[in-house]
C-alpha atoms as a PDB file:
ATOM      1  CA  MET A   1      74.271 112.691 101.044  1.00  0.00           C
ATOM      2  CA  ALA A   2      76.725 115.048 102.945  1.00  0.00           C
ATOM      3  CA  ALA A   3      76.352 117.649 100.140  1.00  0.00           C
ATOM      4  CA  VAL A   4      72.507 117.443 100.421  1.00  0.00           C
ATOM      5  CA  LYS A   5      72.508 117.862 104.062  1.00  0.00           C
ATOM      6  CA  LEU A   6      74.979 120.928 104.083  1.00  0.00           C
ATOM      7  CA  ARG A   7      72.632 122.529 101.315  1.00  0.00           C
ATOM      8  CA  GLU A   8      69.870 122.052 103.688  1.00  0.00           C
ATOM      9  CA  GLU A   9      71.705 123.732 106.476  1.00  0.00           C
ATOM     10  CA  GLY A  10      72.230 126.709 104.390  1.00  0.00           C
ATOM     11  CA  TYR A  11      75.672 126.329 102.796  1.00  0.00           C
ATOM     12  CA  TYR A  12      76.432 127.578  99.366  1.00  0.00           C
ATOM     13  CA  GLN A  13      77.831 125.154  96.721  1.00  0.00           C
ATOM     14  CA  LYS A  14      81.196 126.781  96.887  1.00  0.00           C
ATOM     15  CA  ASP A  15      81.311 126.026 100.706  1.00  0.00           C
ATOM     16  CA  ILE A  16      79.976 122.494 100.345  1.00  0.00           C
ATOM     17  CA  ALA A  17      82.789 121.624  97.557  1.00  0.00           C
ATOM     18  CA  GLU A  18      85.589 123.199  99.921  1.00  0.00           C
ATOM     19  CA  LYS A  19      84.196 121.356 103.019  1.00  0.00           C
ATOM     20  CA  LEU A  20      83.883 117.822 101.057  1.00  0.00           C
ATOM     21  CA  GLY A  21      87.208 118.249  98.969  1.00  0.00           C
ATOM     22  CA  MET A  22      85.011 118.069  95.840  1.00  0.00           C
ATOM     23  CA  ASP A  23      85.311 120.206  92.886  1.00  0.00           C
ATOM     24  CA  ARG A  24      82.242 122.737  92.339  1.00  0.00           C
ATOM     25  CA  SER A  25      80.988 121.302  89.140  1.00  0.00           C
ATOM     26  CA  THR A  26      80.557 117.919  90.623  1.00  0.00           C
ATOM     27  CA  VAL A  27      78.646 119.371  93.711  1.00  0.00           C
ATOM     28  CA  SER A  28      76.537 121.334  91.305  1.00  0.00           C
ATOM     29  CA  HIS A  29      75.638 118.349  89.201  1.00  0.00           C
ATOM     30  CA  TYR A  30      74.777 116.246  92.246  1.00  0.00           C
ATOM     31  CA  LEU A  31      72.832 118.785  93.951  1.00  0.00           C
ATOM     32  CA  ASN A  32      70.801 119.449  90.849  1.00  0.00           C
ATOM     33  CA  GLY A  33      70.317 115.740  89.850  1.00  0.00           C
ATOM     34  CA  ARG A  34      72.303 115.770  86.892  1.00  0.00           C
ATOM     35  CA  ASN A  35      74.542 112.546  85.763  1.00  0.00           C
ATOM     36  CA  LEU A  36      73.143 110.523  88.755  1.00  0.00           C
ATOM     37  CA  SER A  37      72.237 107.037  88.531  1.00  0.00           C
ATOM     38  CA  TRP A  38      69.648 105.173  90.491  1.00  0.00           C
ATOM     39  CA  SER A  39      72.225 102.663  91.340  1.00  0.00           C
ATOM     40  CA  SER A  40      74.491 105.193  93.168  1.00  0.00           C
ATOM     41  CA  ILE A  41      71.784 106.647  95.032  1.00  0.00           C
ATOM     42  CA  GLU A  42      70.855 103.069  96.061  1.00  0.00           C
ATOM     43  CA  VAL A  43      74.392 102.745  97.224  1.00  0.00           C
ATOM     44  CA  ALA A  44      74.489 105.826  98.951  1.00  0.00           C
ATOM     45  CA  GLU A  45      71.350 104.930 100.976  1.00  0.00           C
ATOM     46  CA  VAL A  46      72.585 101.423 101.952  1.00  0.00           C
ATOM     47  CA  VAL A  47      75.742 102.958 103.210  1.00  0.00           C
ATOM     48  CA  ALA A  48      73.993 105.534 105.200  1.00  0.00           C
ATOM     49  CA  SER A  49      71.650 103.060 106.643  1.00  0.00           C
ATOM     50  CA  CYS A  50      74.578 101.061 108.095  1.00  0.00           C
ATOM     51  CA  CYS A  51      75.478 100.948 111.780  1.00  0.00           C
ATOM     52  CA  THR A  52      78.100 103.755 112.601  1.00  0.00           C
ATOM     53  CA  ARG A  53      81.209 101.269 112.326  1.00  0.00           C
ATOM     54  CA  ASP A  54      80.175  99.931 108.944  1.00  0.00           C
ATOM     55  CA  PHE A  55      79.298 103.521 107.758  1.00  0.00           C
ATOM     56  CA  LEU A  56      82.580 104.748 108.784  1.00  0.00           C
ATOM     57  CA  LYS A  57      84.549 102.061 107.214  1.00  0.00           C
ATOM     58  CA  MET A  58      82.541 101.965 103.706  1.00  0.00           C
ATOM     59  CA  THR A  59      82.762 105.676 103.541  1.00  0.00           C
ATOM     60  CA  TYR A  60      86.551 105.404 104.164  1.00  0.00           C
ATOM     61  CA  ALA A  61      86.887 102.753 101.552  1.00  0.00           C
ATOM     62  CA  LEU A  62      84.758 104.640  98.949  1.00  0.00           C
ATOM     63  CA  VAL A  63      86.114 107.952  99.306  1.00  0.00           C
ATOM     64  CA  ASP A  64      89.916 106.900  99.752  1.00  0.00           C
ATOM     65  CA  ASN A  65      90.756 110.130 101.765  1.00  0.00           C
ATOM     66  CA  PRO A  66      90.965 110.300 105.669  1.00  0.00           C
ATOM     67  CA  GLU A  67      90.160 113.964 105.984  1.00  0.00           C
ATOM     68  CA  SER A  68      87.158 113.815 103.689  1.00  0.00           C
ATOM     69  CA  THR A  69      85.632 110.617 105.286  1.00  0.00           C
ATOM     70  CA  LYS A  70      86.014 112.416 108.845  1.00  0.00           C
ATOM     71  CA  THR A  71      84.106 115.391 107.289  1.00  0.00           C
ATOM     72  CA  ILE A  72      81.378 113.243 105.793  1.00  0.00           C
ATOM     73  CA  VAL A  73      81.014 111.159 108.875  1.00  0.00           C
ATOM     74  CA  ARG A  74      80.798 114.401 111.154  1.00  0.00           C
ATOM     75  CA  ILE A  75      78.137 115.648 108.702  1.00  0.00           C
ATOM     76  CA  LEU A  76      75.997 112.699 108.602  1.00  0.00           C
ATOM     77  CA  ILE A  77      76.165 111.222 112.107  1.00  0.00           C
ATOM     78  CA  GLU A  78      74.008 113.398 114.296  1.00  0.00           C
ATOM     79  CA  GLN A  79      74.139 111.196 117.415  1.00  0.00           C
ATOM     80  CA  LYS A  80      76.858 112.414 119.969  1.00  0.00           C
ATOM     81  CA  PHE A  81      79.157 110.002 122.208  1.00  0.00           C
ATOM     82  CA  GLN A  82      81.076 110.446 125.017  1.00  0.00           C
ATOM     83  CA  ALA A  83      83.771 108.022 126.479  1.00  0.00           C
ATOM     84  CA  GLN A  84      84.542 106.759 129.619  1.00  0.00           C
ATOM     85  CA  VAL A  85      88.192 105.617 130.358  1.00  0.00           C
ATOM     86  CA  ASP A  86      88.735 103.531 133.583  1.00  0.00           C
ATOM     87  CA  ASP A  87      92.089 103.857 135.528  1.00  0.00           C
ATOM     88  CA  THR A  88      92.816 100.241 134.173  1.00  0.00           C
ATOM     89  CA  CYS A  89      93.801 101.870 130.784  1.00  0.00           C
ATOM     90  CA  ILE A  90      97.601 101.075 130.426  1.00  0.00           C
ATOM     91  CA  GLY A  91      98.174 103.532 127.552  1.00  0.00           C
ATOM     92  CA  CYS A  92      99.113 101.061 124.904  1.00  0.00           C
ATOM     93  CA  GLY A  93      97.627 103.179 122.225  1.00  0.00           C
ATOM     94  CA  LEU A  94      95.815 100.414 120.141  1.00  0.00           C
ATOM     95  CA  CYS A  95      92.601 102.456 120.527  1.00  0.00           C
ATOM     96  CA  ALA A  96      94.302 105.624 119.124  1.00  0.00           C
ATOM     97  CA  ASP A  97      95.661 103.475 116.129  1.00  0.00           C
ATOM     98  CA  MET A  98      92.166 101.850 115.448  1.00  0.00           C
ATOM     99  CA  CYS A  99      90.295 105.230 115.470  1.00  0.00           C
ATOM    100  CA  LEU A 100      89.751 106.420 111.786  1.00  0.00           C
ATOM    101  CA  MET A 101      88.327 109.675 113.260  1.00  0.00           C
ATOM    102  CA  ASP A 102      91.526 110.510 115.096  1.00  0.00           C
ATOM    103  CA  ALA A 103      89.488 110.897 118.163  1.00  0.00           C
ATOM    104  CA  VAL A 104      91.733 109.322 120.680  1.00  0.00           C
ATOM    105  CA  ASN A 105      94.888 110.597 122.101  1.00  0.00           C
ATOM    106  CA  ILE A 106      97.314 109.068 124.635  1.00  0.00           C
ATOM    107  CA  LEU A 107      97.962 111.487 127.647  1.00  0.00           C
ATOM    108  CA  ASP A 108     100.074 110.552 130.912  1.00  0.00           C
ATOM    109  CA  LEU A 109      99.573 106.942 129.776  1.00  0.00           C
ATOM    110  CA  LYS A 110      96.035 106.993 129.484  1.00  0.00           C
ATOM    111  CA  SER A 111      93.620 107.254 126.531  1.00  0.00           C
ATOM    112  CA  HIS A 112      91.667 110.642 126.086  1.00  0.00           C
ATOM    113  CA  ILE A 113      88.757 110.415 123.751  1.00  0.00           C
ATOM    114  CA  ASP A 114      87.457 113.706 122.163  1.00  0.00           C
ATOM    115  CA  PRO A 115      83.748 113.775 122.121  1.00  0.00           C
ATOM    116  CA  GLU A 116      83.760 116.225 119.140  1.00  0.00           C
ATOM    117  CA  TRP A 117      85.341 113.520 117.002  1.00  0.00           C
ATOM    118  CA  CYS A 118      83.975 110.365 118.188  1.00  0.00           C
ATOM    119  CA  CYS A 119      81.230 108.901 116.029  1.00  0.00           C
ATOM    120  CA  GLY A 120      80.331 105.915 118.255  1.00  0.00           C
ATOM    121  CA  CYS A 121      82.071 103.346 115.953  1.00  0.00           C
ATOM    122  CA  MET A 122      83.212 101.362 119.160  1.00  0.00           C
ATOM    123  CA  GLU A 123      86.571 100.262 117.621  1.00  0.00           C
ATOM    124  CA  CYS A 124      88.341 101.640 120.495  1.00  0.00           C
ATOM    125  CA  GLU A 125      85.973  99.931 123.110  1.00  0.00           C
ATOM    126  CA  ASP A 126      85.950  96.518 121.112  1.00  0.00           C
ATOM    127  CA  ASN A 127      89.682  96.474 120.726  1.00  0.00           C
ATOM    128  CA  CYS A 128      90.932  97.624 124.162  1.00  0.00           C
ATOM    129  CA  PRO A 129      93.105  94.888 125.393  1.00  0.00           C
ATOM    130  CA  THR A 130      92.018  95.777 129.284  1.00  0.00           C
ATOM    131  CA  GLY A 131      88.312  96.718 128.670  1.00  0.00           C
ATOM    132  CA  SER A 132      88.956 100.153 130.049  1.00  0.00           C
ATOM    133  CA  ILE A 133      86.882 102.079 127.298  1.00  0.00           C
ATOM    134  CA  ARG A 134      83.066 102.523 127.271  1.00  0.00           C
ATOM    135  CA  ILE A 135      81.432 104.608 124.719  1.00  0.00           C
ATOM    136  CA  LEU A 136      78.250 105.896 125.546  1.00  0.00           C
ATOM    137  CA  ALA A 137      75.523 107.819 123.416  1.00  0.00           C
ATOM    138  CA  VAL A 138      74.601 111.158 124.682  1.00  0.00           C
ATOM    139  CA  GLU A 139      70.877 111.428 125.694  1.00  0.00           C
ATOM    140  CA  ASN A 140      69.103 114.138 123.716  1.00  0.00           C
ATOM    141  CA  ASN A 141      72.642 114.936 121.962  1.00  0.00           C
ATOM    142  CA  LYS A 142      73.209 117.569 124.729  1.00  0.00           C
END
């Protein structure tokens, strides 16, 4: 599905293959509908329809490559998010450990969440022992 979206955005097969870490032949077959089963299409649709957290975790499990997972998630999750980190943050780093997108850094004993990488999975917010993190959807993606 990420390959299709990139193609719709005007990327060439070579660029899509590089971006997704796939060989060009596989991308070509996929985009041209060869060697695809309805089952694989149904699985992709189910995964894509999940909430962000489940989509991220399933993609991570299916792709088994952290960098490819981050690329796919960034391509397919269109909603943008921003974080608010309260002063009650103790900089324990649990949020950084939980983030599969590597969006969280600890600076000066406080979490900092990069909105360019945050996919809104809420792992950091839900696992923060002090309840210091809030992930907010950006209105109109601006």
